[in-house]
């Protein structure tokens, strides 16, 4: 970060490109900076004369407004990371066929909930949208990819796109299973379950009645 600031100082921001969870900031002179917020990062916009409290990682000043990045987990010169990402779930139009092909290209013993978070396969789906899209598609996060049909994969991806696009467009809504462990499923009333999944131990949420299939080993 200390080496990045002098290279950006005085350069004009020409465009911003969103790919999955990444923002690519294109500056004059061909310099591209990748921003990834992970769980706690935030970009905020202020009027130029407004005070900026805290310690932002990066400040971009325009004639009327200022953009500031706080708690940015990743802020670095882009070295081709974005080119290694899978198809963007928020692409317009989304390439669902390519997403399914990517999911079929890996070990089919992998759990579908874990695979959906792999940004190399499908870019942009986070833990919240994984849980919600699987619930709407009635697919258990613990089922193996090889046991999930192409139509079920596509339905899950379509739900993820619908939910995420709706959130961006300001469509109101509440979560059905995410962070609702022990509360009744909105569809059948069965208590929602949760358990860590994958190498990153991200918490999976599901209804064992509506999303039937293999269960995690909780021993």
C-alpha atoms as a PDB file:
ATOM      1  CA  UNK A   1       0.000   0.000   0.000  1.00  0.00           C
ATOM      2  CA  UNK A   2       2.836   2.431   0.827  1.00  0.00           C
ATOM      3  CA  UNK A   3       4.361   1.762  -2.587  1.00  0.00           C
ATOM      4  CA  UNK A   4       0.968   2.205  -4.277  1.00  0.00           C
ATOM      5  CA  UNK A   5       0.090   5.705  -3.045  1.00  0.00           C
ATOM      6  CA  UNK A   6       2.935   7.599  -4.794  1.00  0.00           C
ATOM      7  CA  UNK A   7       2.097   5.913  -8.091  1.00  0.00           C
ATOM      8  CA  UNK A   8      -1.556   7.006  -7.884  1.00  0.00           C
ATOM      9  CA  UNK A   9      -1.033  10.555  -6.643  1.00  0.00           C
ATOM     10  CA  UNK A  10      -2.160  13.057  -9.271  1.00  0.00           C
ATOM     11  CA  UNK A  11      -3.507  10.482 -11.737  1.00  0.00           C
ATOM     12  CA  UNK A  12      -7.051  10.806 -13.063  1.00  0.00           C
ATOM     13  CA  UNK A  13      -9.475   7.936 -12.466  1.00  0.00           C
ATOM     14  CA  UNK A  14     -10.847   7.111 -15.915  1.00  0.00           C
ATOM     15  CA  UNK A  15     -13.235   4.221 -15.228  1.00  0.00           C
ATOM     16  CA  UNK A  16     -14.320   1.612 -12.690  1.00  0.00           C
ATOM     17  CA  UNK A  17     -15.079  -1.985 -13.632  1.00  0.00           C
ATOM     18  CA  UNK A  18     -16.859  -4.496 -11.381  1.00  0.00           C
ATOM     19  CA  UNK A  19     -15.932  -8.165 -11.839  1.00  0.00           C
ATOM     20  CA  UNK A  20     -17.428 -10.467  -9.248  1.00  0.00           C
ATOM     21  CA  UNK A  21     -16.427  -9.079  -5.855  1.00  0.00           C
ATOM     22  CA  UNK A  22     -13.572  -7.065  -7.334  1.00  0.00           C
ATOM     23  CA  UNK A  23     -13.475  -3.428  -8.390  1.00  0.00           C
ATOM     24  CA  UNK A  24     -10.872  -2.552 -11.004  1.00  0.00           C
ATOM     25  CA  UNK A  25      -9.956   1.138 -10.879  1.00  0.00           C
ATOM     26  CA  UNK A  26      -8.515   2.258 -14.212  1.00  0.00           C
ATOM     27  CA  UNK A  27      -6.248   5.308 -13.900  1.00  0.00           C
ATOM     28  CA  UNK A  28      -4.654   7.337 -16.660  1.00  0.00           C
ATOM     29  CA  UNK A  29      -1.388   5.940 -17.898  1.00  0.00           C
ATOM     30  CA  UNK A  30      -2.734   2.378 -17.927  1.00  0.00           C
ATOM     31  CA  UNK A  31      -2.461   1.839 -14.168  1.00  0.00           C
ATOM     32  CA  UNK A  32      -5.100  -0.570 -12.816  1.00  0.00           C
ATOM     33  CA  UNK A  33      -5.765  -1.043  -9.093  1.00  0.00           C
ATOM     34  CA  UNK A  34      -7.788  -3.964  -7.742  1.00  0.00           C
ATOM     35  CA  UNK A  35     -10.021  -3.394  -4.717  1.00  0.00           C
ATOM     36  CA  UNK A  36     -11.663  -6.267  -2.817  1.00  0.00           C
ATOM     37  CA  UNK A  37     -13.636  -5.395   0.319  1.00  0.00           C
ATOM     38  CA  UNK A  38     -14.114  -8.907   1.760  1.00  0.00           C
ATOM     39  CA  UNK A  39     -16.345  -8.761   4.863  1.00  0.00           C
ATOM     40  CA  UNK A  40     -15.554  -5.410   6.483  1.00  0.00           C
ATOM     41  CA  UNK A  41     -14.336  -3.104   3.735  1.00  0.00           C
ATOM     42  CA  UNK A  42     -16.408  -0.120   2.578  1.00  0.00           C
ATOM     43  CA  UNK A  43     -16.309   2.516  -0.126  1.00  0.00           C
ATOM     44  CA  UNK A  44     -18.020   5.758   0.875  1.00  0.00           C
ATOM     45  CA  UNK A  45     -18.716   8.946  -1.078  1.00  0.00           C
ATOM     46  CA  UNK A  46     -18.599  12.395   0.555  1.00  0.00           C
ATOM     47  CA  UNK A  47     -18.995  15.931  -0.645  1.00  0.00           C
ATOM     48  CA  UNK A  48     -15.568  17.451  -1.164  1.00  0.00           C
ATOM     49  CA  UNK A  49     -15.950  19.864   1.773  1.00  0.00           C
ATOM     50  CA  UNK A  50     -17.196  17.181   4.215  1.00  0.00           C
ATOM     51  CA  UNK A  51     -14.823  15.898   6.911  1.00  0.00           C
ATOM     52  CA  UNK A  52     -13.571  12.318   6.529  1.00  0.00           C
ATOM     53  CA  UNK A  53     -13.325  10.594   9.871  1.00  0.00           C
ATOM     54  CA  UNK A  54     -11.214   7.525  10.522  1.00  0.00           C
ATOM     55  CA  UNK A  55      -8.253   6.268   8.523  1.00  0.00           C
ATOM     56  CA  UNK A  56      -9.179   5.536   4.906  1.00  0.00           C
ATOM     57  CA  UNK A  57      -6.908   3.308   2.866  1.00  0.00           C
ATOM     58  CA  UNK A  58      -7.432   5.328  -0.301  1.00  0.00           C
ATOM     59  CA  UNK A  59      -9.006   8.721  -1.050  1.00  0.00           C
ATOM     60  CA  UNK A  60     -10.027   9.794  -4.560  1.00  0.00           C
ATOM     61  CA  UNK A  61     -10.815  13.513  -4.840  1.00  0.00           C
ATOM     62  CA  UNK A  62     -12.988  15.017  -7.559  1.00  0.00           C
ATOM     63  CA  UNK A  63     -14.245  18.542  -8.129  1.00  0.00           C
ATOM     64  CA  UNK A  64     -17.415  18.001  -6.062  1.00  0.00           C
ATOM     65  CA  UNK A  65     -17.127  14.606  -4.391  1.00  0.00           C
ATOM     66  CA  UNK A  66     -14.587  12.400  -2.636  1.00  0.00           C
ATOM     67  CA  UNK A  67     -14.517   8.603  -2.662  1.00  0.00           C
ATOM     68  CA  UNK A  68     -12.849   6.925   0.315  1.00  0.00           C
ATOM     69  CA  UNK A  69     -12.077   3.268   0.948  1.00  0.00           C
ATOM     70  CA  UNK A  70     -12.059   2.015   4.541  1.00  0.00           C
ATOM     71  CA  UNK A  71     -10.828  -1.310   5.945  1.00  0.00           C
ATOM     72  CA  UNK A  72      -9.956  -2.577   2.502  1.00  0.00           C
ATOM     73  CA  UNK A  73      -8.696  -6.125   2.763  1.00  0.00           C
ATOM     74  CA  UNK A  74      -7.183  -5.957  -0.732  1.00  0.00           C
ATOM     75  CA  UNK A  75      -5.881  -2.860  -2.483  1.00  0.00           C
ATOM     76  CA  UNK A  76      -3.145  -3.606  -4.979  1.00  0.00           C
ATOM     77  CA  UNK A  77      -1.988  -3.203  -8.544  1.00  0.00           C
ATOM     78  CA  UNK A  78      -3.907  -5.663 -10.687  1.00  0.00           C
ATOM     79  CA  UNK A  79      -1.687  -8.497 -11.844  1.00  0.00           C
ATOM     80  CA  UNK A  80      -4.237 -10.433 -13.820  1.00  0.00           C
ATOM     81  CA  UNK A  81      -6.275 -11.761 -10.891  1.00  0.00           C
ATOM     82  CA  UNK A  82      -9.512 -10.642 -12.527  1.00  0.00           C
ATOM     83  CA  UNK A  83      -8.711 -12.623 -15.666  1.00  0.00           C
ATOM     84  CA  UNK A  84      -8.599 -15.807 -13.585  1.00  0.00           C
ATOM     85  CA  UNK A  85     -12.101 -15.314 -12.216  1.00  0.00           C
ATOM     86  CA  UNK A  86     -15.105 -17.279 -13.401  1.00  0.00           C
ATOM     87  CA  UNK A  87     -18.119 -15.766 -15.192  1.00  0.00           C
ATOM     88  CA  UNK A  88     -19.658 -12.853 -13.290  1.00  0.00           C
ATOM     89  CA  UNK A  89     -22.970 -13.726 -11.610  1.00  0.00           C
ATOM     90  CA  UNK A  90     -24.053 -10.109 -12.184  1.00  0.00           C
ATOM     91  CA  UNK A  91     -23.026 -10.065 -15.822  1.00  0.00           C
ATOM     92  CA  UNK A  92     -25.599  -8.633 -18.218  1.00  0.00           C
ATOM     93  CA  UNK A  93     -26.642 -10.993 -19.535  1.00  0.00           C
ATOM     94  CA  UNK A  94     -25.303 -13.643 -17.145  1.00  0.00           C
ATOM     95  CA  UNK A  95     -23.662 -16.601 -18.902  1.00  0.00           C
ATOM     96  CA  UNK A  96     -25.289 -19.421 -16.941  1.00  0.00           C
ATOM     97  CA  UNK A  97     -24.115 -22.065 -19.416  1.00  0.00           C
ATOM     98  CA  UNK A  98     -20.481 -21.068 -18.840  1.00  0.00           C
ATOM     99  CA  UNK A  99     -21.012 -21.087 -15.073  1.00  0.00           C
ATOM    100  CA  UNK A 100     -22.382 -24.628 -15.182  1.00  0.00           C
ATOM    101  CA  UNK A 101     -19.436 -25.713 -17.346  1.00  0.00           C
ATOM    102  CA  UNK A 102     -17.015 -24.258 -14.801  1.00  0.00           C
ATOM    103  CA  UNK A 103     -18.769 -26.083 -11.964  1.00  0.00           C
ATOM    104  CA  UNK A 104     -18.559 -29.318 -13.955  1.00  0.00           C
ATOM    105  CA  UNK A 105     -14.831 -28.826 -14.571  1.00  0.00           C
ATOM    106  CA  UNK A 106     -13.829 -29.551 -10.956  1.00  0.00           C
ATOM    107  CA  UNK A 107     -13.963 -32.645  -8.740  1.00  0.00           C
ATOM    108  CA  UNK A 108     -17.626 -33.668  -8.704  1.00  0.00           C
ATOM    109  CA  UNK A 109     -17.262 -34.984  -5.154  1.00  0.00           C
ATOM    110  CA  UNK A 110     -17.045 -31.381  -3.993  1.00  0.00           C
ATOM    111  CA  UNK A 111     -20.026 -30.009  -2.053  1.00  0.00           C
ATOM    112  CA  UNK A 112     -22.107 -27.606  -4.105  1.00  0.00           C
ATOM    113  CA  UNK A 113     -22.233 -24.987  -1.339  1.00  0.00           C
ATOM    114  CA  UNK A 114     -18.446 -24.888  -1.176  1.00  0.00           C
ATOM    115  CA  UNK A 115     -18.070 -24.756  -4.967  1.00  0.00           C
ATOM    116  CA  UNK A 116     -20.406 -21.765  -5.297  1.00  0.00           C
ATOM    117  CA  UNK A 117     -17.990 -19.662  -3.220  1.00  0.00           C
ATOM    118  CA  UNK A 118     -15.010 -20.503  -5.454  1.00  0.00           C
ATOM    119  CA  UNK A 119     -14.503 -17.279  -7.400  1.00  0.00           C
ATOM    120  CA  UNK A 120     -12.541 -19.141 -10.088  1.00  0.00           C
ATOM    121  CA  UNK A 121     -15.735 -21.002 -10.982  1.00  0.00           C
ATOM    122  CA  UNK A 122     -18.371 -18.288 -10.572  1.00  0.00           C
ATOM    123  CA  UNK A 123     -17.397 -14.743  -9.622  1.00  0.00           C
ATOM    124  CA  UNK A 124     -19.435 -12.697  -7.188  1.00  0.00           C
ATOM    125  CA  UNK A 125     -21.426 -15.094  -4.989  1.00  0.00           C
ATOM    126  CA  UNK A 126     -20.835 -14.567  -1.276  1.00  0.00           C
ATOM    127  CA  UNK A 127     -21.945 -16.599   1.713  1.00  0.00           C
ATOM    128  CA  UNK A 128     -25.272 -14.805   2.140  1.00  0.00           C
ATOM    129  CA  UNK A 129     -26.322 -15.282  -1.483  1.00  0.00           C
ATOM    130  CA  UNK A 130     -25.062 -18.861  -1.515  1.00  0.00           C
ATOM    131  CA  UNK A 131     -27.373 -19.734   1.368  1.00  0.00           C
ATOM    132  CA  UNK A 132     -30.380 -17.879  -0.013  1.00  0.00           C
ATOM    133  CA  UNK A 133     -30.081 -19.068  -3.622  1.00  0.00           C
ATOM    134  CA  UNK A 134     -29.707 -22.714  -2.570  1.00  0.00           C
ATOM    135  CA  UNK A 135     -32.808 -22.403  -0.383  1.00  0.00           C
ATOM    136  CA  UNK A 136     -34.896 -20.905  -3.178  1.00  0.00           C
ATOM    137  CA  UNK A 137     -33.695 -23.633  -5.556  1.00  0.00           C
ATOM    138  CA  UNK A 138     -34.363 -26.311  -2.882  1.00  0.00           C
ATOM    139  CA  UNK A 139     -30.807 -27.667  -3.131  1.00  0.00           C
ATOM    140  CA  UNK A 140     -28.883 -28.727  -0.019  1.00  0.00           C
ATOM    141  CA  UNK A 141     -25.442 -27.091   0.289  1.00  0.00           C
ATOM    142  CA  UNK A 142     -24.070 -30.501   1.294  1.00  0.00           C
ATOM    143  CA  UNK A 143     -24.960 -32.358  -1.879  1.00  0.00           C
ATOM    144  CA  UNK A 144     -22.025 -33.355  -4.061  1.00  0.00           C
ATOM    145  CA  UNK A 145     -21.755 -31.637  -7.424  1.00  0.00           C
ATOM    146  CA  UNK A 146     -22.048 -35.012  -9.123  1.00  0.00           C
ATOM    147  CA  UNK A 147     -25.430 -35.548  -7.447  1.00  0.00           C
ATOM    148  CA  UNK A 148     -26.805 -32.159  -8.534  1.00  0.00           C
ATOM    149  CA  UNK A 149     -28.334 -31.961 -12.008  1.00  0.00           C
ATOM    150  CA  UNK A 150     -27.463 -29.248 -14.511  1.00  0.00           C
ATOM    151  CA  UNK A 151     -31.000 -27.891 -14.193  1.00  0.00           C
ATOM    152  CA  UNK A 152     -30.613 -27.635 -10.403  1.00  0.00           C
ATOM    153  CA  UNK A 153     -27.274 -25.858 -10.775  1.00  0.00           C
ATOM    154  CA  UNK A 154     -28.769 -23.450 -13.274  1.00  0.00           C
ATOM    155  CA  UNK A 155     -31.790 -22.797 -11.045  1.00  0.00           C
ATOM    156  CA  UNK A 156     -29.466 -21.985  -8.136  1.00  0.00           C
ATOM    157  CA  UNK A 157     -27.398 -19.618 -10.281  1.00  0.00           C
ATOM    158  CA  UNK A 158     -30.526 -17.942 -11.635  1.00  0.00           C
ATOM    159  CA  UNK A 159     -31.774 -17.379  -8.086  1.00  0.00           C
ATOM    160  CA  UNK A 160     -28.408 -15.917  -7.060  1.00  0.00           C
ATOM    161  CA  UNK A 161     -28.521 -13.514 -10.003  1.00  0.00           C
ATOM    162  CA  UNK A 162     -32.136 -12.552  -9.296  1.00  0.00           C
ATOM    163  CA  UNK A 163     -31.535 -11.912  -5.601  1.00  0.00           C
ATOM    164  CA  UNK A 164     -28.285 -10.007  -6.051  1.00  0.00           C
ATOM    165  CA  UNK A 165     -29.595  -7.899  -8.929  1.00  0.00           C
ATOM    166  CA  UNK A 166     -32.687  -7.124  -6.890  1.00  0.00           C
ATOM    167  CA  UNK A 167     -30.582  -5.931  -3.971  1.00  0.00           C
ATOM    168  CA  UNK A 168     -28.578  -3.653  -6.274  1.00  0.00           C
ATOM    169  CA  UNK A 169     -31.814  -2.273  -7.742  1.00  0.00           C
ATOM    170  CA  UNK A 170     -33.215  -1.554  -4.283  1.00  0.00           C
ATOM    171  CA  UNK A 171     -35.820  -4.320  -4.231  1.00  0.00           C
ATOM    172  CA  UNK A 172     -36.835  -4.841  -0.570  1.00  0.00           C
ATOM    173  CA  UNK A 173     -36.547  -8.284   0.930  1.00  0.00           C
ATOM    174  CA  UNK A 174     -35.445 -10.295   3.935  1.00  0.00           C
ATOM    175  CA  UNK A 175     -33.298 -13.395   4.214  1.00  0.00           C
ATOM    176  CA  UNK A 176     -34.994 -16.767   4.440  1.00  0.00           C
ATOM    177  CA  UNK A 177     -32.218 -18.869   6.002  1.00  0.00           C
ATOM    178  CA  UNK A 178     -29.019 -16.823   6.317  1.00  0.00           C
ATOM    179  CA  UNK A 179     -28.120 -16.295   9.998  1.00  0.00           C
ATOM    180  CA  UNK A 180     -31.481 -17.764  11.031  1.00  0.00           C
ATOM    181  CA  UNK A 181     -30.244 -20.902  12.815  1.00  0.00           C
ATOM    182  CA  UNK A 182     -32.983 -22.444  14.958  1.00  0.00           C
ATOM    183  CA  UNK A 183     -35.720 -20.243  13.537  1.00  0.00           C
ATOM    184  CA  UNK A 184     -38.566 -21.808  11.530  1.00  0.00           C
ATOM    185  CA  UNK A 185     -38.178 -22.221   7.797  1.00  0.00           C
ATOM    186  CA  UNK A 186     -40.518 -19.716   6.072  1.00  0.00           C
ATOM    187  CA  UNK A 187     -41.799 -22.539   3.858  1.00  0.00           C
ATOM    188  CA  UNK A 188     -42.277 -25.569   6.115  1.00  0.00           C
ATOM    189  CA  UNK A 189     -41.529 -24.473   9.689  1.00  0.00           C
ATOM    190  CA  UNK A 190     -38.587 -26.846  10.233  1.00  0.00           C
ATOM    191  CA  UNK A 191     -35.805 -25.216  12.311  1.00  0.00           C
ATOM    192  CA  UNK A 192     -33.011 -23.833  10.141  1.00  0.00           C
ATOM    193  CA  UNK A 193     -29.652 -25.542  10.643  1.00  0.00           C
ATOM    194  CA  UNK A 194     -26.110 -24.229  10.274  1.00  0.00           C
ATOM    195  CA  UNK A 195     -22.651 -25.778  10.147  1.00  0.00           C
ATOM    196  CA  UNK A 196     -19.196 -24.683   8.887  1.00  0.00           C
ATOM    197  CA  UNK A 197     -18.420 -25.737   5.329  1.00  0.00           C
ATOM    198  CA  UNK A 198     -15.294 -25.938   3.193  1.00  0.00           C
ATOM    199  CA  UNK A 199     -11.652 -25.161   3.890  1.00  0.00           C
ATOM    200  CA  UNK A 200     -12.598 -21.627   4.906  1.00  0.00           C
ATOM    201  CA  UNK A 201     -15.209 -22.934   7.377  1.00  0.00           C
ATOM    202  CA  UNK A 202     -17.818 -20.489   6.072  1.00  0.00           C
ATOM    203  CA  UNK A 203     -21.142 -21.076   7.802  1.00  0.00           C
ATOM    204  CA  UNK A 204     -23.768 -22.874   5.720  1.00  0.00           C
ATOM    205  CA  UNK A 205     -27.481 -22.381   6.463  1.00  0.00           C
ATOM    206  CA  UNK A 206     -30.216 -24.685   5.195  1.00  0.00           C
ATOM    207  CA  UNK A 207     -33.607 -26.239   5.866  1.00  0.00           C
ATOM    208  CA  UNK A 208     -33.194 -30.027   6.232  1.00  0.00           C
ATOM    209  CA  UNK A 209     -36.772 -30.577   5.032  1.00  0.00           C
ATOM    210  CA  UNK A 210     -36.922 -28.281   2.001  1.00  0.00           C
ATOM    211  CA  UNK A 211     -33.296 -28.947   1.026  1.00  0.00           C
ATOM    212  CA  UNK A 212     -33.021 -32.690   1.381  1.00  0.00           C
ATOM    213  CA  UNK A 213     -29.781 -34.496   0.723  1.00  0.00           C
ATOM    214  CA  UNK A 214     -26.494 -35.414   2.311  1.00  0.00           C
ATOM    215  CA  UNK A 215     -25.975 -33.934   5.774  1.00  0.00           C
ATOM    216  CA  UNK A 216     -22.662 -32.700   7.233  1.00  0.00           C
ATOM    217  CA  UNK A 217     -20.620 -34.852   9.586  1.00  0.00           C
ATOM    218  CA  UNK A 218     -21.178 -33.020  12.872  1.00  0.00           C
ATOM    219  CA  UNK A 219     -19.472 -35.605  15.082  1.00  0.00           C
END
